[in-house]
C-alpha atoms as a PDB file:
ATOM      1  CA  UNK A   1       0.000   0.000   0.000  1.00  0.00           C
ATOM      2  CA  UNK A   2       2.903   2.353   0.785  1.00  0.00           C
ATOM      3  CA  UNK A   3       4.406   1.653  -2.619  1.00  0.00           C
ATOM      4  CA  UNK A   4       1.156   2.615  -4.346  1.00  0.00           C
ATOM      5  CA  UNK A   5       0.949   5.839  -2.372  1.00  0.00           C
ATOM      6  CA  UNK A   6       4.553   6.704  -3.134  1.00  0.00           C
ATOM      7  CA  UNK A   7       4.086   5.963  -6.809  1.00  0.00           C
ATOM      8  CA  UNK A   8       0.918   8.057  -6.934  1.00  0.00           C
ATOM      9  CA  UNK A   9       2.689  10.901  -5.132  1.00  0.00           C
ATOM     10  CA  UNK A  10       5.642  10.782  -7.519  1.00  0.00           C
ATOM     11  CA  UNK A  11       3.340  10.747 -10.548  1.00  0.00           C
ATOM     12  CA  UNK A  12       1.285  13.642  -9.150  1.00  0.00           C
ATOM     13  CA  UNK A  13       4.454  15.610  -8.426  1.00  0.00           C
ATOM     14  CA  UNK A  14       5.751  14.849 -11.897  1.00  0.00           C
ATOM     15  CA  UNK A  15       2.503  16.002 -13.467  1.00  0.00           C
ATOM     16  CA  UNK A  16       2.584  19.201 -11.428  1.00  0.00           C
ATOM     17  CA  UNK A  17       6.191  19.923 -12.377  1.00  0.00           C
ATOM     18  CA  UNK A  18       5.438  19.269 -16.034  1.00  0.00           C
ATOM     19  CA  UNK A  19       2.378  21.491 -15.968  1.00  0.00           C
ATOM     20  CA  UNK A  20       4.284  24.358 -14.381  1.00  0.00           C
ATOM     21  CA  UNK A  21       7.383  23.769 -16.477  1.00  0.00           C
ATOM     22  CA  UNK A  22       5.522  23.978 -19.779  1.00  0.00           C
ATOM     23  CA  UNK A  23       4.412  27.506 -19.008  1.00  0.00           C
ATOM     24  CA  UNK A  24       7.979  28.431 -18.110  1.00  0.00           C
ATOM     25  CA  UNK A  25       9.470  26.662 -21.123  1.00  0.00           C
ATOM     26  CA  UNK A  26       7.380  28.690 -23.567  1.00  0.00           C
ATOM     27  CA  UNK A  27       9.541  31.752 -23.029  1.00  0.00           C
ATOM     28  CA  UNK A  28      11.359  32.835 -26.168  1.00  0.00           C
ATOM     29  CA  UNK A  29      14.586  33.530 -24.309  1.00  0.00           C
ATOM     30  CA  UNK A  30      16.478  30.952 -22.336  1.00  0.00           C
ATOM     31  CA  UNK A  31      16.035  31.893 -18.688  1.00  0.00           C
ATOM     32  CA  UNK A  32      16.969  30.282 -15.420  1.00  0.00           C
ATOM     33  CA  UNK A  33      13.349  29.184 -14.984  1.00  0.00           C
ATOM     34  CA  UNK A  34      13.294  27.615 -18.415  1.00  0.00           C
ATOM     35  CA  UNK A  35      16.539  25.768 -17.784  1.00  0.00           C
ATOM     36  CA  UNK A  36      15.366  24.514 -14.384  1.00  0.00           C
ATOM     37  CA  UNK A  37      12.011  23.428 -15.833  1.00  0.00           C
ATOM     38  CA  UNK A  38      13.687  21.629 -18.746  1.00  0.00           C
ATOM     39  CA  UNK A  39      16.057  19.932 -16.329  1.00  0.00           C
ATOM     40  CA  UNK A  40      13.207  18.803 -14.057  1.00  0.00           C
ATOM     41  CA  UNK A  41      11.181  17.448 -16.965  1.00  0.00           C
ATOM     42  CA  UNK A  42      14.320  15.746 -18.284  1.00  0.00           C
ATOM     43  CA  UNK A  43      14.805  13.909 -14.982  1.00  0.00           C
ATOM     44  CA  UNK A  44      11.161  12.828 -14.820  1.00  0.00           C
ATOM     45  CA  UNK A  45      11.110  11.723 -18.461  1.00  0.00           C
ATOM     46  CA  UNK A  46      14.348   9.781 -17.977  1.00  0.00           C
ATOM     47  CA  UNK A  47      12.931   8.013 -14.914  1.00  0.00           C
ATOM     48  CA  UNK A  48       9.976   6.925 -17.054  1.00  0.00           C
ATOM     49  CA  UNK A  49      11.998   6.147 -20.191  1.00  0.00           C
ATOM     50  CA  UNK A  50      14.612   3.832 -18.661  1.00  0.00           C
ATOM     51  CA  UNK A  51      12.260   1.139 -17.304  1.00  0.00           C
ATOM     52  CA  UNK A  52       9.941   1.325 -20.319  1.00  0.00           C
ATOM     53  CA  UNK A  53      12.826   0.987 -22.733  1.00  0.00           C
ATOM     54  CA  UNK A  54      14.289  -1.937 -20.764  1.00  0.00           C
ATOM     55  CA  UNK A  55      10.929  -3.741 -20.695  1.00  0.00           C
ATOM     56  CA  UNK A  56      10.372  -3.127 -24.414  1.00  0.00           C
ATOM     57  CA  UNK A  57      13.871  -4.322 -25.265  1.00  0.00           C
ATOM     58  CA  UNK A  58      13.482  -7.446 -23.140  1.00  0.00           C
ATOM     59  CA  UNK A  59      10.070  -8.234 -24.618  1.00  0.00           C
ATOM     60  CA  UNK A  60      11.422  -7.829 -28.151  1.00  0.00           C
ATOM     61  CA  UNK A  61      14.388 -10.114 -27.521  1.00  0.00           C
ATOM     62  CA  UNK A  62      12.359 -12.768 -25.673  1.00  0.00           C
ATOM     63  CA  UNK A  63       9.420 -12.744 -28.101  1.00  0.00           C
ATOM     64  CA  UNK A  64      11.584 -12.560 -31.198  1.00  0.00           C
ATOM     65  CA  UNK A  65      13.930 -15.224 -29.866  1.00  0.00           C
ATOM     66  CA  UNK A  66      10.998 -17.539 -29.166  1.00  0.00           C
ATOM     67  CA  UNK A  67       9.613 -17.119 -32.684  1.00  0.00           C
ATOM     68  CA  UNK A  68      13.072 -17.526 -34.171  1.00  0.00           C
ATOM     69  CA  UNK A  69      13.498 -20.686 -32.112  1.00  0.00           C
ATOM     70  CA  UNK A  70      10.138 -22.028 -33.303  1.00  0.00           C
ATOM     71  CA  UNK A  71      11.286 -21.633 -36.883  1.00  0.00           C
ATOM     72  CA  UNK A  72      14.538 -23.381 -35.859  1.00  0.00           C
ATOM     73  CA  UNK A  73      16.541 -20.519 -37.293  1.00  0.00           C
ATOM     74  CA  UNK A  74      15.474 -21.230 -40.863  1.00  0.00           C
ATOM     75  CA  UNK A  75      13.340 -18.123 -41.452  1.00  0.00           C
ATOM     76  CA  UNK A  76      15.345 -15.275 -42.929  1.00  0.00           C
ATOM     77  CA  UNK A  77      12.344 -12.927 -42.579  1.00  0.00           C
ATOM     78  CA  UNK A  78      12.040 -13.597 -38.841  1.00  0.00           C
ATOM     79  CA  UNK A  79      15.774 -13.084 -38.383  1.00  0.00           C
ATOM     80  CA  UNK A  80      15.713  -9.765 -40.238  1.00  0.00           C
ATOM     81  CA  UNK A  81      12.698  -8.555 -38.266  1.00  0.00           C
ATOM     82  CA  UNK A  82      14.264  -9.634 -34.983  1.00  0.00           C
ATOM     83  CA  UNK A  83      17.488  -7.785 -35.739  1.00  0.00           C
ATOM     84  CA  UNK A  84      15.616  -4.657 -36.867  1.00  0.00           C
ATOM     85  CA  UNK A  85      13.288  -4.750 -33.864  1.00  0.00           C
ATOM     86  CA  UNK A  86      16.144  -5.265 -31.430  1.00  0.00           C
ATOM     87  CA  UNK A  87      18.105  -2.374 -32.937  1.00  0.00           C
ATOM     88  CA  UNK A  88      15.028  -0.146 -32.696  1.00  0.00           C
ATOM     89  CA  UNK A  89      13.966  -1.011 -29.139  1.00  0.00           C
ATOM     90  CA  UNK A  90      17.340  -1.639 -27.508  1.00  0.00           C
ATOM     91  CA  UNK A  91      19.372   1.009 -29.302  1.00  0.00           C
ATOM     92  CA  UNK A  92      19.513   4.729 -28.853  1.00  0.00           C
ATOM     93  CA  UNK A  93      19.542   6.771 -25.696  1.00  0.00           C
ATOM     94  CA  UNK A  94      18.051   5.737 -22.407  1.00  0.00           C
ATOM     95  CA  UNK A  95      17.780   9.321 -21.176  1.00  0.00           C
ATOM     96  CA  UNK A  96      15.998  12.524 -22.177  1.00  0.00           C
ATOM     97  CA  UNK A  97      18.201  15.611 -22.279  1.00  0.00           C
ATOM     98  CA  UNK A  98      17.050  19.110 -21.313  1.00  0.00           C
ATOM     99  CA  UNK A  99      17.807  20.211 -24.884  1.00  0.00           C
ATOM    100  CA  UNK A 100      15.303  17.636 -26.194  1.00  0.00           C
ATOM    101  CA  UNK A 101      12.702  18.978 -23.767  1.00  0.00           C
ATOM    102  CA  UNK A 102      13.294  22.553 -24.944  1.00  0.00           C
ATOM    103  CA  UNK A 103      13.069  21.475 -28.586  1.00  0.00           C
ATOM    104  CA  UNK A 104       9.783  19.639 -27.972  1.00  0.00           C
ATOM    105  CA  UNK A 105       8.401  22.689 -26.126  1.00  0.00           C
ATOM    106  CA  UNK A 106       9.260  24.923 -29.081  1.00  0.00           C
ATOM    107  CA  UNK A 107       7.722  22.494 -31.586  1.00  0.00           C
ATOM    108  CA  UNK A 108       4.493  22.218 -29.609  1.00  0.00           C
ATOM    109  CA  UNK A 109       3.866  25.963 -29.595  1.00  0.00           C
ATOM    110  CA  UNK A 110       1.253  27.133 -32.107  1.00  0.00           C
END
């Protein structure tokens, strides 16, 4: 029960920080508030991204490996899809930088 409360509190805090940070991040000039908001959102997004990316990567490898095993390694199509899927889900960054947050904030403005 404590874990659920802590998780709910962290999610609520994250939502609050994101809501406040978006209004600060819309400034045209880079200010201290914008940098702090982008940094806070970056930390929260990274905390969400790491476990999701690890789960997705694991699921891709396990599922793809099982299908590849069922075909006894004879299916070239399955092998190609497994390699492409693994590169897509397991590759890349496992963190979100403040610069990415600022770029997304600029792109989302009307």
